């Protein structure tokens, strides 16, 4: 059972919302894609849904 002091469900929901927001922003912003790529996320050429899914997980490669 999880510790009631650690709201993991809330954290997961917040992460999903932030990933969706960042994905919407990234499809219109090459600069944001560049920043996220530099953090280790492989996003170039992906759709909004693919970007959101990638951002829900840790980066796939080391930061540049």
C-alpha atoms as a PDB file:
ATOM      1  CA  UNK A   1       0.000   0.000   0.000  1.00  0.00           C
ATOM      2  CA  UNK A   2       1.323   3.460  -0.824  1.00  0.00           C
ATOM      3  CA  UNK A   3       2.125   6.067   1.772  1.00  0.00           C
ATOM      4  CA  UNK A   4      -0.779   8.557   2.043  1.00  0.00           C
ATOM      5  CA  UNK A   5       1.795  11.375   2.320  1.00  0.00           C
ATOM      6  CA  UNK A   6       3.054  10.642  -1.222  1.00  0.00           C
ATOM      7  CA  UNK A   7       0.309  11.443  -3.738  1.00  0.00           C
ATOM      8  CA  UNK A   8       1.601   9.229  -6.553  1.00  0.00           C
ATOM      9  CA  UNK A   9      -1.757   9.189  -8.333  1.00  0.00           C
ATOM     10  CA  UNK A  10      -1.763  12.982  -8.395  1.00  0.00           C
ATOM     11  CA  UNK A  11       1.836  13.010  -9.613  1.00  0.00           C
ATOM     12  CA  UNK A  12       1.049  10.597 -12.450  1.00  0.00           C
ATOM     13  CA  UNK A  13      -1.976  12.680 -13.485  1.00  0.00           C
ATOM     14  CA  UNK A  14       0.069  15.872 -13.401  1.00  0.00           C
ATOM     15  CA  UNK A  15       2.831  14.233 -15.465  1.00  0.00           C
ATOM     16  CA  UNK A  16       0.305  13.075 -18.079  1.00  0.00           C
ATOM     17  CA  UNK A  17      -1.197  16.565 -18.300  1.00  0.00           C
ATOM     18  CA  UNK A  18       2.221  18.192 -18.630  1.00  0.00           C
ATOM     19  CA  UNK A  19       3.228  15.688 -21.314  1.00  0.00           C
ATOM     20  CA  UNK A  20       0.062  16.470 -23.290  1.00  0.00           C
ATOM     21  CA  UNK A  21       0.603  20.224 -22.935  1.00  0.00           C
ATOM     22  CA  UNK A  22       4.260  19.973 -23.951  1.00  0.00           C
ATOM     23  CA  UNK A  23       3.339  17.812 -26.953  1.00  0.00           C
ATOM     24  CA  UNK A  24       0.777  20.385 -28.144  1.00  0.00           C
ATOM     25  CA  UNK A  25       3.383  23.096 -27.748  1.00  0.00           C
ATOM     26  CA  UNK A  26       6.153  21.076 -29.408  1.00  0.00           C
ATOM     27  CA  UNK A  27       4.263  20.536 -32.668  1.00  0.00           C
ATOM     28  CA  UNK A  28       4.341  24.329 -33.164  1.00  0.00           C
ATOM     29  CA  UNK A  29       7.772  25.057 -31.701  1.00  0.00           C
ATOM     30  CA  UNK A  30      10.993  23.786 -33.234  1.00  0.00           C
ATOM     31  CA  UNK A  31      12.848  25.443 -30.340  1.00  0.00           C
ATOM     32  CA  UNK A  32      10.953  23.327 -27.800  1.00  0.00           C
ATOM     33  CA  UNK A  33      11.649  20.167 -29.809  1.00  0.00           C
ATOM     34  CA  UNK A  34      15.339  21.126 -29.819  1.00  0.00           C
ATOM     35  CA  UNK A  35      15.335  21.590 -26.019  1.00  0.00           C
ATOM     36  CA  UNK A  36      13.565  18.279 -25.423  1.00  0.00           C
ATOM     37  CA  UNK A  37      15.873  16.499 -27.872  1.00  0.00           C
ATOM     38  CA  UNK A  38      18.856  17.940 -25.953  1.00  0.00           C
ATOM     39  CA  UNK A  39      17.350  16.445 -22.769  1.00  0.00           C
ATOM     40  CA  UNK A  40      17.428  12.998 -24.392  1.00  0.00           C
ATOM     41  CA  UNK A  41      13.929  12.649 -25.840  1.00  0.00           C
ATOM     42  CA  UNK A  42      13.741  11.414 -29.455  1.00  0.00           C
ATOM     43  CA  UNK A  43      10.871  13.563 -30.748  1.00  0.00           C
ATOM     44  CA  UNK A  44      11.834  14.901 -34.158  1.00  0.00           C
ATOM     45  CA  UNK A  45       9.305  13.945 -36.824  1.00  0.00           C
ATOM     46  CA  UNK A  46       6.786  12.510 -34.350  1.00  0.00           C
ATOM     47  CA  UNK A  47       3.095  13.325 -34.080  1.00  0.00           C
ATOM     48  CA  UNK A  48       1.559  15.120 -31.100  1.00  0.00           C
ATOM     49  CA  UNK A  49       0.314  11.812 -29.677  1.00  0.00           C
ATOM     50  CA  UNK A  50       3.731  10.170 -30.124  1.00  0.00           C
ATOM     51  CA  UNK A  51       5.445  13.118 -28.428  1.00  0.00           C
ATOM     52  CA  UNK A  52       3.021  13.012 -25.501  1.00  0.00           C
ATOM     53  CA  UNK A  53       3.630   9.279 -25.059  1.00  0.00           C
ATOM     54  CA  UNK A  54       7.418   9.760 -25.183  1.00  0.00           C
ATOM     55  CA  UNK A  55       7.251  12.531 -22.582  1.00  0.00           C
ATOM     56  CA  UNK A  56       5.343  10.284 -20.163  1.00  0.00           C
ATOM     57  CA  UNK A  57       8.539   8.204 -19.831  1.00  0.00           C
ATOM     58  CA  UNK A  58      12.189   8.910 -19.034  1.00  0.00           C
ATOM     59  CA  UNK A  59      14.428  10.065 -21.913  1.00  0.00           C
ATOM     60  CA  UNK A  60      15.663   7.293 -24.193  1.00  0.00           C
ATOM     61  CA  UNK A  61      19.216   8.597 -24.544  1.00  0.00           C
ATOM     62  CA  UNK A  62      21.687  10.664 -22.497  1.00  0.00           C
ATOM     63  CA  UNK A  63      21.382  14.468 -22.581  1.00  0.00           C
ATOM     64  CA  UNK A  64      23.382  16.203 -25.292  1.00  0.00           C
END
